[in-house]
Amino acid sequence: MAKGKNVRVSWTIDKKKLRSLSGDVKKRASKAVQETRADLAREMRSRAPRREGELAESIKEYEPGPTRGVVWVDAKHGIHVEYGTSRMPAQPFIRPAAKAVEAEWKKRAEAVFDE
């Protein structure tokens, strides 16, 4: 990615509070994070502009911990597509994808403590 132009979308659950909760709540929190990570990756892939499919195929995800999910674009041109260049207009797909899954994330996060 181009220096200084990383796109970061982050939703978190307070780790201090999470440590003090029961195992069931922790499992629900982990499930909420991982489901949202998968939804975000799917949404980004569906919104990525397609020529040859390289951009959508470069969207990766992993679980670095039970309450963390990471999604990133591995294609070097991903940042240029998202923000545009002097020769190409922006075709945002990361930020709209994050906005599309945000409401569901909030529901899942609230439901962690409802059960």
PDB file of N, CA and C in Angstrom:
ATOM      1  N   MET A   1       0.832  -1.186   0.000  1.00  0.00           N
ATOM      2  CA  MET A   1       0.000   0.000   0.000  1.00  0.00           C
ATOM      3  C   MET A   1       0.870   1.240   0.000  1.00  0.00           C
ATOM      4  N   ALA A   2       0.347   2.310  -0.514  1.00  0.00           N
ATOM      5  CA  ALA A   2       1.070   3.568  -0.543  1.00  0.00           C
ATOM      6  C   ALA A   2       1.266   4.088   0.874  1.00  0.00           C
ATOM      7  N   LYS A   3       2.429   4.646   1.133  1.00  0.00           N
ATOM      8  CA  LYS A   3       2.710   5.157   2.475  1.00  0.00           C
ATOM      9  C   LYS A   3       1.744   6.276   2.825  1.00  0.00           C
ATOM     10  N   GLY A   4       1.266   6.255   4.065  1.00  0.00           N
ATOM     11  CA  GLY A   4       0.395   7.319   4.546  1.00  0.00           C
ATOM     12  C   GLY A   4      -1.036   7.233   4.064  1.00  0.00           C
ATOM     13  N   LYS A   5      -1.394   6.210   3.329  1.00  0.00           N
ATOM     14  CA  LYS A   5      -2.741   6.110   2.769  1.00  0.00           C
ATOM     15  C   LYS A   5      -3.417   4.797   3.137  1.00  0.00           C
ATOM     16  N   ASN A   6      -3.174   4.298   4.320  1.00  0.00           N
ATOM     17  CA  ASN A   6      -3.834   3.065   4.746  1.00  0.00           C
ATOM     18  C   ASN A   6      -5.272   3.360   5.110  1.00  0.00           C
ATOM     19  N   VAL A   7      -6.141   2.448   4.816  1.00  0.00           N
ATOM     20  CA  VAL A   7      -7.537   2.553   5.211  1.00  0.00           C
ATOM     21  C   VAL A   7      -7.719   1.608   6.378  1.00  0.00           C
ATOM     22  N   ARG A   8      -8.167   2.133   7.487  1.00  0.00           N
ATOM     23  CA  ARG A   8      -8.352   1.285   8.658  1.00  0.00           C
ATOM     24  C   ARG A   8      -9.771   1.453   9.165  1.00  0.00           C
ATOM     25  N   VAL A   9     -10.429   0.337   9.337  1.00  0.00           N
ATOM     26  CA  VAL A   9     -11.762   0.314   9.909  1.00  0.00           C
ATOM     27  C   VAL A   9     -11.656  -0.535  11.155  1.00  0.00           C
ATOM     28  N   SER A  10     -12.128  -0.023  12.270  1.00  0.00           N
ATOM     29  CA  SER A  10     -11.946  -0.757  13.516  1.00  0.00           C
ATOM     30  C   SER A  10     -13.176  -0.653  14.399  1.00  0.00           C
ATOM     31  N   TRP A  11     -13.611  -1.799  14.884  1.00  0.00           N
ATOM     32  CA  TRP A  11     -14.651  -1.856  15.906  1.00  0.00           C
ATOM     33  C   TRP A  11     -14.082  -2.744  16.995  1.00  0.00           C
ATOM     34  N   THR A  12     -14.232  -2.350  18.232  1.00  0.00           N
ATOM     35  CA  THR A  12     -13.638  -3.132  19.307  1.00  0.00           C
ATOM     36  C   THR A  12     -14.600  -3.348  20.467  1.00  0.00           C
ATOM     37  N   ILE A  13     -14.274  -4.348  21.239  1.00  0.00           N
ATOM     38  CA  ILE A  13     -14.968  -4.609  22.497  1.00  0.00           C
ATOM     39  C   ILE A  13     -13.921  -4.389  23.584  1.00  0.00           C
ATOM     40  N   ASP A  14     -14.252  -3.634  24.617  1.00  0.00           N
ATOM     41  CA  ASP A  14     -13.334  -3.286  25.694  1.00  0.00           C
ATOM     42  C   ASP A  14     -12.743  -4.554  26.328  1.00  0.00           C
ATOM     43  N   LYS A  15     -11.439  -4.743  26.196  1.00  0.00           N
ATOM     44  CA  LYS A  15     -10.774  -5.961  26.684  1.00  0.00           C
ATOM     45  C   LYS A  15     -10.819  -6.089  28.204  1.00  0.00           C
ATOM     46  N   LYS A  16     -10.702  -4.986  28.917  1.00  0.00           N
ATOM     47  CA  LYS A  16     -10.742  -5.051  30.385  1.00  0.00           C
ATOM     48  C   LYS A  16     -12.097  -5.569  30.853  1.00  0.00           C
ATOM     49  N   LYS A  17     -13.147  -5.039  30.268  1.00  0.00           N
ATOM     50  CA  LYS A  17     -14.487  -5.497  30.635  1.00  0.00           C
ATOM     51  C   LYS A  17     -14.682  -6.952  30.212  1.00  0.00           C
ATOM     52  N   LEU A  18     -14.173  -7.286  29.044  1.00  0.00           N
ATOM     53  CA  LEU A  18     -14.337  -8.635  28.519  1.00  0.00           C
ATOM     54  C   LEU A  18     -13.672  -9.676  29.432  1.00  0.00           C
ATOM     55  N   ARG A  19     -12.500  -9.350  29.975  1.00  0.00           N
ATOM     56  CA  ARG A  19     -11.789 -10.280  30.849  1.00  0.00           C
ATOM     57  C   ARG A  19     -12.587 -10.636  32.094  1.00  0.00           C
ATOM     58  N   SER A  20     -13.404  -9.702  32.553  1.00  0.00           N
ATOM     59  CA  SER A  20     -14.153  -9.930  33.787  1.00  0.00           C
ATOM     60  C   SER A  20     -15.480 -10.662  33.563  1.00  0.00           C
ATOM     61  N   LEU A  21     -15.801 -10.968  32.334  1.00  0.00           N
ATOM     62  CA  LEU A  21     -17.088 -11.595  32.022  1.00  0.00           C
ATOM     63  C   LEU A  21     -16.983 -13.119  31.981  1.00  0.00           C
ATOM     64  N   SER A  22     -18.134 -13.746  31.999  1.00  0.00           N
ATOM     65  CA  SER A  22     -18.181 -15.213  31.955  1.00  0.00           C
ATOM     66  C   SER A  22     -17.700 -15.734  30.605  1.00  0.00           C
ATOM     67  N   GLY A  23     -17.374 -17.015  30.595  1.00  0.00           N
ATOM     68  CA  GLY A  23     -16.910 -17.665  29.368  1.00  0.00           C
ATOM     69  C   GLY A  23     -17.929 -17.610  28.246  1.00  0.00           C
ATOM     70  N   ASP A  24     -19.221 -17.724  28.577  1.00  0.00           N
ATOM     71  CA  ASP A  24     -20.257 -17.677  27.545  1.00  0.00           C
ATOM     72  C   ASP A  24     -20.290 -16.317  26.853  1.00  0.00           C
ATOM     73  N   VAL A  25     -20.134 -15.264  27.634  1.00  0.00           N
ATOM     74  CA  VAL A  25     -20.147 -13.922  27.055  1.00  0.00           C
ATOM     75  C   VAL A  25     -18.925 -13.736  26.163  1.00  0.00           C
ATOM     76  N   LYS A  26     -17.802 -14.237  26.600  1.00  0.00           N
ATOM     77  CA  LYS A  26     -16.587 -14.138  25.792  1.00  0.00           C
ATOM     78  C   LYS A  26     -16.751 -14.882  24.471  1.00  0.00           C
ATOM     79  N   LYS A  27     -17.366 -16.048  24.531  1.00  0.00           N
ATOM     80  CA  LYS A  27     -17.599 -16.819  23.299  1.00  0.00           C
ATOM     81  C   LYS A  27     -18.529 -16.059  22.358  1.00  0.00           C
ATOM     82  N   ARG A  28     -19.566 -15.446  22.907  1.00  0.00           N
ATOM     83  CA  ARG A  28     -20.499 -14.669  22.075  1.00  0.00           C
ATOM     84  C   ARG A  28     -19.801 -13.448  21.473  1.00  0.00           C
ATOM     85  N   ALA A  29     -18.923 -12.821  22.262  1.00  0.00           N
ATOM     86  CA  ALA A  29     -18.177 -11.666  21.754  1.00  0.00           C
ATOM     87  C   ALA A  29     -17.265 -12.086  20.601  1.00  0.00           C
ATOM     88  N   SER A  30     -16.579 -13.200  20.793  1.00  0.00           N
ATOM     89  CA  SER A  30     -15.702 -13.705  19.743  1.00  0.00           C
ATOM     90  C   SER A  30     -16.497 -14.020  18.479  1.00  0.00           C
ATOM     91  N   LYS A  31     -17.631 -14.664  18.647  1.00  0.00           N
ATOM     92  CA  LYS A  31     -18.478 -15.007  17.498  1.00  0.00           C
ATOM     93  C   LYS A  31     -18.946 -13.747  16.777  1.00  0.00           C
ATOM     94  N   ALA A  32     -19.334 -12.717  17.530  1.00  0.00           N
ATOM     95  CA  ALA A  32     -19.793 -11.461  16.924  1.00  0.00           C
ATOM     96  C   ALA A  32     -18.687 -10.816  16.087  1.00  0.00           C
ATOM     97  N   VAL A  33     -17.472 -10.809  16.636  1.00  0.00           N
ATOM     98  CA  VAL A  33     -16.339 -10.211  15.924  1.00  0.00           C
ATOM     99  C   VAL A  33     -16.027 -10.998  14.657  1.00  0.00           C
ATOM    100  N   GLN A  34     -15.966 -12.317  14.782  1.00  0.00           N
ATOM    101  CA  GLN A  34     -15.577 -13.133  13.631  1.00  0.00           C
ATOM    102  C   GLN A  34     -16.654 -13.145  12.536  1.00  0.00           C
ATOM    103  N   GLU A  35     -17.920 -13.127  12.918  1.00  0.00           N
ATOM    104  CA  GLU A  35     -18.992 -13.042  11.915  1.00  0.00           C
ATOM    105  C   GLU A  35     -18.928 -11.706  11.187  1.00  0.00           C
ATOM    106  N   THR A  36     -18.655 -10.643  11.919  1.00  0.00           N
ATOM    107  CA  THR A  36     -18.571  -9.325  11.295  1.00  0.00           C
ATOM    108  C   THR A  36     -17.348  -9.232  10.391  1.00  0.00           C
ATOM    109  N   ARG A  37     -16.237  -9.835  10.805  1.00  0.00           N
ATOM    110  CA  ARG A  37     -15.043  -9.875   9.950  1.00  0.00           C
ATOM    111  C   ARG A  37     -15.363 -10.554   8.620  1.00  0.00           C
ATOM    112  N   ALA A  38     -16.039 -11.679   8.688  1.00  0.00           N
ATOM    113  CA  ALA A  38     -16.397 -12.407   7.465  1.00  0.00           C
ATOM    114  C   ALA A  38     -17.363 -11.592   6.609  1.00  0.00           C
ATOM    115  N   ASP A  39     -18.332 -10.941   7.252  1.00  0.00           N
ATOM    116  CA  ASP A  39     -19.280 -10.090   6.508  1.00  0.00           C
ATOM    117  C   ASP A  39     -18.561  -8.945   5.815  1.00  0.00           C
ATOM    118  N   LEU A  40     -17.618  -8.313   6.517  1.00  0.00           N
ATOM    119  CA  LEU A  40     -16.881  -7.195   5.929  1.00  0.00           C
ATOM    120  C   LEU A  40     -16.073  -7.658   4.728  1.00  0.00           C
ATOM    121  N   ALA A  41     -15.387  -8.765   4.846  1.00  0.00           N
ATOM    122  CA  ALA A  41     -14.596  -9.279   3.717  1.00  0.00           C
ATOM    123  C   ALA A  41     -15.494  -9.599   2.529  1.00  0.00           C
ATOM    124  N   ARG A  42     -16.605 -10.237   2.789  1.00  0.00           N
ATOM    125  CA  ARG A  42     -17.560 -10.572   1.724  1.00  0.00           C
ATOM    126  C   ARG A  42     -18.092  -9.301   1.052  1.00  0.00           C
ATOM    127  N   GLU A  43     -18.439  -8.320   1.855  1.00  0.00           N
ATOM    128  CA  GLU A  43     -18.981  -7.063   1.333  1.00  0.00           C
ATOM    129  C   GLU A  43     -17.927  -6.317   0.516  1.00  0.00           C
ATOM    130  N   MET A  44     -16.684  -6.303   0.987  1.00  0.00           N
ATOM    131  CA  MET A  44     -15.612  -5.649   0.232  1.00  0.00           C
ATOM    132  C   MET A  44     -15.398  -6.346  -1.110  1.00  0.00           C
ATOM    133  N   ARG A  45     -15.415  -7.671  -1.090  1.00  0.00           N
ATOM    134  CA  ARG A  45     -15.232  -8.415  -2.348  1.00  0.00           C
ATOM    135  C   ARG A  45     -16.356  -8.120  -3.339  1.00  0.00           C
ATOM    136  N   SER A  46     -17.567  -8.026  -2.825  1.00  0.00           N
ATOM    137  CA  SER A  46     -18.702  -7.784  -3.725  1.00  0.00           C
ATOM    138  C   SER A  46     -18.699  -6.363  -4.284  1.00  0.00           C
ATOM    139  N   ARG A  47     -18.096  -5.425  -3.567  1.00  0.00           N
ATOM    140  CA  ARG A  47     -18.070  -4.030  -4.003  1.00  0.00           C
ATOM    141  C   ARG A  47     -16.805  -3.660  -4.779  1.00  0.00           C
ATOM    142  N   ALA A  48     -15.794  -4.494  -4.732  1.00  0.00           N
ATOM    143  CA  ALA A  48     -14.537  -4.182  -5.420  1.00  0.00           C
ATOM    144  C   ALA A  48     -14.769  -4.122  -6.925  1.00  0.00           C
ATOM    145  N   PRO A  49     -14.294  -3.041  -7.572  1.00  0.00           N
ATOM    146  CA  PRO A  49     -14.428  -2.963  -9.034  1.00  0.00           C
ATOM    147  C   PRO A  49     -13.729  -4.151  -9.684  1.00  0.00           C
ATOM    148  N   ARG A  50     -14.321  -4.660 -10.746  1.00  0.00           N
ATOM    149  CA  ARG A  50     -13.775  -5.862 -11.375  1.00  0.00           C
ATOM    150  C   ARG A  50     -13.358  -5.608 -12.809  1.00  0.00           C
ATOM    151  N   ARG A  51     -12.135  -5.929 -13.063  1.00  0.00           N
ATOM    152  CA  ARG A  51     -11.640  -6.025 -14.433  1.00  0.00           C
ATOM    153  C   ARG A  51     -11.306  -7.495 -14.646  1.00  0.00           C
ATOM    154  N   GLU A  52     -10.309  -7.927 -13.887  1.00  0.00           N
ATOM    155  CA  GLU A  52      -9.875  -9.321 -13.971  1.00  0.00           C
ATOM    156  C   GLU A  52     -10.137 -10.067 -12.667  1.00  0.00           C
ATOM    157  N   GLY A  53     -10.672  -9.370 -11.664  1.00  0.00           N
ATOM    158  CA  GLY A  53     -10.970 -10.008 -10.390  1.00  0.00           C
ATOM    159  C   GLY A  53      -9.820 -10.026  -9.402  1.00  0.00           C
ATOM    160  N   GLU A  54      -8.675  -9.476  -9.790  1.00  0.00           N
ATOM    161  CA  GLU A  54      -7.497  -9.508  -8.932  1.00  0.00           C
ATOM    162  C   GLU A  54      -7.727  -8.757  -7.621  1.00  0.00           C
ATOM    163  N   LEU A  55      -8.380  -7.611  -7.680  1.00  0.00           N
ATOM    164  CA  LEU A  55      -8.591  -6.814  -6.477  1.00  0.00           C
ATOM    165  C   LEU A  55      -9.454  -7.571  -5.465  1.00  0.00           C
ATOM    166  N   ALA A  56     -10.584  -8.083  -5.906  1.00  0.00           N
ATOM    167  CA  ALA A  56     -11.475  -8.827  -5.008  1.00  0.00           C
ATOM    168  C   ALA A  56     -10.784 -10.069  -4.454  1.00  0.00           C
ATOM    169  N   GLU A  57     -10.020 -10.745  -5.288  1.00  0.00           N
ATOM    170  CA  GLU A  57      -9.315 -11.951  -4.840  1.00  0.00           C
ATOM    171  C   GLU A  57      -8.204 -11.641  -3.846  1.00  0.00           C
ATOM    172  N   SER A  58      -7.725 -10.391  -3.835  1.00  0.00           N
ATOM    173  CA  SER A  58      -6.633 -10.027  -2.930  1.00  0.00           C
ATOM    174  C   SER A  58      -7.125  -9.649  -1.531  1.00  0.00           C
ATOM    175  N   ILE A  59      -8.418  -9.625  -1.320  1.00  0.00           N
ATOM    176  CA  ILE A  59      -8.968  -9.274  -0.008  1.00  0.00           C
ATOM    177  C   ILE A  59      -8.802 -10.477   0.905  1.00  0.00           C
ATOM    178  N   LYS A  60      -8.076 -10.271   1.970  1.00  0.00           N
ATOM    179  CA  LYS A  60      -7.721 -11.340   2.903  1.00  0.00           C
ATOM    180  C   LYS A  60      -8.303 -11.039   4.280  1.00  0.00           C
ATOM    181  N   GLU A  61      -8.436 -12.084   5.079  1.00  0.00           N
ATOM    182  CA  GLU A  61      -8.906 -11.915   6.449  1.00  0.00           C
ATOM    183  C   GLU A  61      -8.250 -12.949   7.345  1.00  0.00           C
ATOM    184  N   TYR A  62      -8.113 -12.582   8.602  1.00  0.00           N
ATOM    185  CA  TYR A  62      -7.639 -13.558   9.575  1.00  0.00           C
ATOM    186  C   TYR A  62      -8.079 -13.142  10.971  1.00  0.00           C
ATOM    187  N   GLU A  63      -7.912 -14.078  11.885  1.00  0.00           N
ATOM    188  CA  GLU A  63      -8.327 -13.906  13.272  1.00  0.00           C
ATOM    189  C   GLU A  63      -7.077 -13.898  14.150  1.00  0.00           C
ATOM    190  N   PRO A  64      -6.565 -12.713  14.516  1.00  0.00           N
ATOM    191  CA  PRO A  64      -5.369 -12.671  15.349  1.00  0.00           C
ATOM    192  C   PRO A  64      -5.640 -12.950  16.821  1.00  0.00           C
ATOM    193  N   GLY A  65      -6.889 -13.012  17.189  1.00  0.00           N
ATOM    194  CA  GLY A  65      -7.266 -13.298  18.567  1.00  0.00           C
ATOM    195  C   GLY A  65      -8.766 -13.480  18.629  1.00  0.00           C
ATOM    196  N   PRO A  66      -9.272 -13.973  19.751  1.00  0.00           N
ATOM    197  CA  PRO A  66     -10.697 -14.278  19.835  1.00  0.00           C
ATOM    198  C   PRO A  66     -11.616 -13.071  19.672  1.00  0.00           C
ATOM    199  N   THR A  67     -11.131 -11.886  19.978  1.00  0.00           N
ATOM    200  CA  THR A  67     -11.984 -10.706  19.820  1.00  0.00           C
ATOM    201  C   THR A  67     -11.370  -9.691  18.861  1.00  0.00           C
ATOM    202  N   ARG A  68     -10.603 -10.208  17.908  1.00  0.00           N
ATOM    203  CA  ARG A  68     -10.027  -9.350  16.867  1.00  0.00           C
ATOM    204  C   ARG A  68     -10.201 -10.025  15.524  1.00  0.00           C
ATOM    205  N   GLY A  69     -10.581  -9.247  14.554  1.00  0.00           N
ATOM    206  CA  GLY A  69     -10.682  -9.741  13.191  1.00  0.00           C
ATOM    207  C   GLY A  69     -10.044  -8.714  12.275  1.00  0.00           C
ATOM    208  N   VAL A  70      -9.263  -9.164  11.318  1.00  0.00           N
ATOM    209  CA  VAL A  70      -8.555  -8.268  10.417  1.00  0.00           C
ATOM    210  C   VAL A  70      -8.945  -8.603   8.985  1.00  0.00           C
ATOM    211  N   VAL A  71      -9.236  -7.560   8.209  1.00  0.00           N
ATOM    212  CA  VAL A  71      -9.512  -7.689   6.783  1.00  0.00           C
ATOM    213  C   VAL A  71      -8.629  -6.661   6.086  1.00  0.00           C
ATOM    214  N   TRP A  72      -7.934  -7.081   5.031  1.00  0.00           N
ATOM    215  CA  TRP A  72      -7.095  -6.135   4.308  1.00  0.00           C
ATOM    216  C   TRP A  72      -7.095  -6.445   2.823  1.00  0.00           C
ATOM    217  N   VAL A  73      -6.639  -5.465   2.053  1.00  0.00           N
ATOM    218  CA  VAL A  73      -6.508  -5.608   0.604  1.00  0.00           C
ATOM    219  C   VAL A  73      -5.033  -5.785   0.317  1.00  0.00           C
ATOM    220  N   ASP A  74      -4.689  -6.908  -0.273  1.00  0.00           N
ATOM    221  CA  ASP A  74      -3.293  -7.221  -0.536  1.00  0.00           C
ATOM    222  C   ASP A  74      -2.795  -6.636  -1.858  1.00  0.00           C
ATOM    223  N   ALA A  75      -3.688  -6.338  -2.776  1.00  0.00           N
ATOM    224  CA  ALA A  75      -3.281  -5.784  -4.072  1.00  0.00           C
ATOM    225  C   ALA A  75      -2.718  -4.375  -3.879  1.00  0.00           C
ATOM    226  N   LYS A  76      -1.578  -4.112  -4.458  1.00  0.00           N
ATOM    227  CA  LYS A  76      -0.931  -2.805  -4.291  1.00  0.00           C
ATOM    228  C   LYS A  76      -1.780  -1.671  -4.846  1.00  0.00           C
ATOM    229  N   HIS A  77      -2.598  -1.947  -5.824  1.00  0.00           N
ATOM    230  CA  HIS A  77      -3.398  -0.871  -6.413  1.00  0.00           C
ATOM    231  C   HIS A  77      -4.711  -0.630  -5.654  1.00  0.00           C
ATOM    232  N   GLY A  78      -4.968  -1.400  -4.606  1.00  0.00           N
ATOM    233  CA  GLY A  78      -6.208  -1.253  -3.848  1.00  0.00           C
ATOM    234  C   GLY A  78      -6.417   0.145  -3.290  1.00  0.00           C
ATOM    235  N   ILE A  79      -5.368   0.731  -2.764  1.00  0.00           N
ATOM    236  CA  ILE A  79      -5.468   2.067  -2.183  1.00  0.00           C
ATOM    237  C   ILE A  79      -5.771   3.101  -3.253  1.00  0.00           C
ATOM    238  N   HIS A  80      -5.220   2.904  -4.449  1.00  0.00           N
ATOM    239  CA  HIS A  80      -5.454   3.841  -5.547  1.00  0.00           C
ATOM    240  C   HIS A  80      -6.892   3.740  -6.058  1.00  0.00           C
ATOM    241  N   VAL A  81      -7.425   2.533  -6.039  1.00  0.00           N
ATOM    242  CA  VAL A  81      -8.823   2.346  -6.426  1.00  0.00           C
ATOM    243  C   VAL A  81      -9.721   3.015  -5.391  1.00  0.00           C
ATOM    244  N   GLU A  82      -9.433   2.816  -4.125  1.00  0.00           N
ATOM    245  CA  GLU A  82     -10.260   3.375  -3.045  1.00  0.00           C
ATOM    246  C   GLU A  82     -10.282   4.902  -3.075  1.00  0.00           C
ATOM    247  N   TYR A  83      -9.127   5.533  -3.240  1.00  0.00           N
ATOM    248  CA  TYR A  83      -9.028   6.993  -3.155  1.00  0.00           C
ATOM    249  C   TYR A  83      -8.860   7.707  -4.487  1.00  0.00           C
ATOM    250  N   GLY A  84      -8.527   6.954  -5.536  1.00  0.00           N
ATOM    251  CA  GLY A  84      -8.295   7.579  -6.832  1.00  0.00           C
ATOM    252  C   GLY A  84      -6.875   8.116  -6.942  1.00  0.00           C
ATOM    253  N   THR A  85      -6.549   8.573  -8.136  1.00  0.00           N
ATOM    254  CA  THR A  85      -5.240   9.169  -8.398  1.00  0.00           C
ATOM    255  C   THR A  85      -5.470  10.389  -9.280  1.00  0.00           C
ATOM    256  N   SER A  86      -4.403  11.020  -9.679  1.00  0.00           N
ATOM    257  CA  SER A  86      -4.540  12.176 -10.577  1.00  0.00           C
ATOM    258  C   SER A  86      -5.052  11.745 -11.955  1.00  0.00           C
ATOM    259  N   ARG A  87      -4.947  10.452 -12.255  1.00  0.00           N
ATOM    260  CA  ARG A  87      -5.373   9.936 -13.566  1.00  0.00           C
ATOM    261  C   ARG A  87      -6.632   9.074 -13.509  1.00  0.00           C
ATOM    262  N   MET A  88      -7.098   8.800 -12.305  1.00  0.00           N
ATOM    263  CA  MET A  88      -8.219   7.866 -12.163  1.00  0.00           C
ATOM    264  C   MET A  88      -9.113   8.314 -11.004  1.00  0.00           C
ATOM    265  N   PRO A  89     -10.403   8.389 -11.237  1.00  0.00           N
ATOM    266  CA  PRO A  89     -11.288   8.764 -10.132  1.00  0.00           C
ATOM    267  C   PRO A  89     -11.378   7.656  -9.077  1.00  0.00           C
ATOM    268  N   ALA A  90     -11.696   8.045  -7.879  1.00  0.00           N
ATOM    269  CA  ALA A  90     -11.859   7.076  -6.792  1.00  0.00           C
ATOM    270  C   ALA A  90     -13.041   6.155  -7.077  1.00  0.00           C
ATOM    271  N   GLN A  91     -12.884   4.910  -6.677  1.00  0.00           N
ATOM    272  CA  GLN A  91     -13.960   3.925  -6.753  1.00  0.00           C
ATOM    273  C   GLN A  91     -14.026   3.230  -5.388  1.00  0.00           C
ATOM    274  N   PRO A  92     -14.490   3.960  -4.378  1.00  0.00           N
ATOM    275  CA  PRO A  92     -14.464   3.409  -3.011  1.00  0.00           C
ATOM    276  C   PRO A  92     -15.222   2.088  -2.900  1.00  0.00           C
ATOM    277  N   PHE A  93     -14.610   1.165  -2.204  1.00  0.00           N
ATOM    278  CA  PHE A  93     -15.257  -0.118  -1.931  1.00  0.00           C
ATOM    279  C   PHE A  93     -15.016  -0.548  -0.485  1.00  0.00           C
ATOM    280  N   ILE A  94     -13.960  -0.058   0.148  1.00  0.00           N
ATOM    281  CA  ILE A  94     -13.649  -0.424   1.526  1.00  0.00           C
ATOM    282  C   ILE A  94     -14.564   0.315   2.496  1.00  0.00           C
ATOM    283  N   ARG A  95     -14.571   1.632   2.395  1.00  0.00           N
ATOM    284  CA  ARG A  95     -15.383   2.424   3.323  1.00  0.00           C
ATOM    285  C   ARG A  95     -16.875   2.159   3.169  1.00  0.00           C
ATOM    286  N   PRO A  96     -17.396   2.048   1.945  1.00  0.00           N
ATOM    287  CA  PRO A  96     -18.823   1.705   1.820  1.00  0.00           C
ATOM    288  C   PRO A  96     -19.150   0.318   2.385  1.00  0.00           C
ATOM    289  N   ALA A  97     -18.217  -0.617   2.238  1.00  0.00           N
ATOM    290  CA  ALA A  97     -18.433  -1.958   2.798  1.00  0.00           C
ATOM    291  C   ALA A  97     -18.496  -1.890   4.318  1.00  0.00           C
ATOM    292  N   ALA A  98     -17.593  -1.124   4.917  1.00  0.00           N
ATOM    293  CA  ALA A  98     -17.598  -0.980   6.375  1.00  0.00           C
ATOM    294  C   ALA A  98     -18.899  -0.345   6.850  1.00  0.00           C
ATOM    295  N   LYS A  99     -19.353   0.648   6.135  1.00  0.00           N
ATOM    296  CA  LYS A  99     -20.610   1.304   6.502  1.00  0.00           C
ATOM    297  C   LYS A  99     -21.782   0.325   6.373  1.00  0.00           C
ATOM    298  N   ALA A 100     -21.722  -0.527   5.364  1.00  0.00           N
ATOM    299  CA  ALA A 100     -22.810  -1.488   5.127  1.00  0.00           C
ATOM    300  C   ALA A 100     -22.927  -2.525   6.244  1.00  0.00           C
ATOM    301  N   VAL A 101     -21.822  -2.891   6.864  1.00  0.00           N
ATOM    302  CA  VAL A 101     -21.875  -3.923   7.913  1.00  0.00           C
ATOM    303  C   VAL A 101     -21.916  -3.343   9.325  1.00  0.00           C
ATOM    304  N   GLU A 102     -21.775  -2.041   9.446  1.00  0.00           N
ATOM    305  CA  GLU A 102     -21.693  -1.413  10.770  1.00  0.00           C
ATOM    306  C   GLU A 102     -22.943  -1.635  11.622  1.00  0.00           C
ATOM    307  N   ALA A 103     -24.126  -1.496  11.065  1.00  0.00           N
ATOM    308  CA  ALA A 103     -25.354  -1.665  11.847  1.00  0.00           C
ATOM    309  C   ALA A 103     -25.475  -3.094  12.382  1.00  0.00           C
ATOM    310  N   GLU A 104     -25.126  -4.064  11.546  1.00  0.00           N
ATOM    311  CA  GLU A 104     -25.186  -5.465  11.999  1.00  0.00           C
ATOM    312  C   GLU A 104     -24.155  -5.715  13.093  1.00  0.00           C
ATOM    313  N   TRP A 105     -22.972  -5.112  12.966  1.00  0.00           N
ATOM    314  CA  TRP A 105     -21.956  -5.228  14.017  1.00  0.00           C
ATOM    315  C   TRP A 105     -22.501  -4.702  15.338  1.00  0.00           C
ATOM    316  N   LYS A 106     -23.123  -3.550  15.297  1.00  0.00           N
ATOM    317  CA  LYS A 106     -23.657  -2.968  16.535  1.00  0.00           C
ATOM    318  C   LYS A 106     -24.707  -3.875  17.166  1.00  0.00           C
ATOM    319  N   LYS A 107     -25.569  -4.466  16.339  1.00  0.00           N
ATOM    320  CA  LYS A 107     -26.576  -5.405  16.863  1.00  0.00           C
ATOM    321  C   LYS A 107     -25.904  -6.605  17.526  1.00  0.00           C
ATOM    322  N   ARG A 108     -24.915  -7.152  16.843  1.00  0.00           N
ATOM    323  CA  ARG A 108     -24.206  -8.317  17.388  1.00  0.00           C
ATOM    324  C   ARG A 108     -23.502  -7.965  18.690  1.00  0.00           C
ATOM    325  N   ALA A 109     -22.854  -6.810  18.720  1.00  0.00           N
ATOM    326  CA  ALA A 109     -22.122  -6.414  19.927  1.00  0.00           C
ATOM    327  C   ALA A 109     -23.081  -6.214  21.100  1.00  0.00           C
ATOM    328  N   GLU A 110     -24.213  -5.616  20.854  1.00  0.00           N
ATOM    329  CA  GLU A 110     -25.202  -5.433  21.926  1.00  0.00           C
ATOM    330  C   GLU A 110     -25.783  -6.767  22.377  1.00  0.00           C
ATOM    331  N   ALA A 111     -25.989  -7.673  21.453  1.00  0.00           N
ATOM    332  CA  ALA A 111     -26.577  -8.978  21.780  1.00  0.00           C
ATOM    333  C   ALA A 111     -25.637  -9.819  22.640  1.00  0.00           C
ATOM    334  N   VAL A 112     -24.354  -9.553  22.585  1.00  0.00           N
ATOM    335  CA  VAL A 112     -23.377 -10.290  23.398  1.00  0.00           C
ATOM    336  C   VAL A 112     -23.791 -10.234  24.878  1.00  0.00           C
ATOM    337  N   PHE A 113     -24.311  -9.106  25.294  1.00  0.00           N
ATOM    338  CA  PHE A 113     -24.630  -8.903  26.707  1.00  0.00           C
ATOM    339  C   PHE A 113     -26.098  -9.133  27.018  1.00  0.00           C
ATOM    340  N   ASP A 114     -26.908  -9.413  26.009  1.00  0.00           N
ATOM    341  CA  ASP A 114     -28.342  -9.598  26.202  1.00  0.00           C
ATOM    342  C   ASP A 114     -28.718 -11.007  26.632  1.00  0.00           C
ATOM    343  N   GLU A 115     -27.919 -11.967  26.280  1.00  0.00           N
ATOM    344  CA  GLU A 115     -28.309 -13.370  26.524  1.00  0.00           C
ATOM    345  C   GLU A 115     -28.007 -13.807  27.934  1.00  0.00           C
TER     346      GLU A 115
END
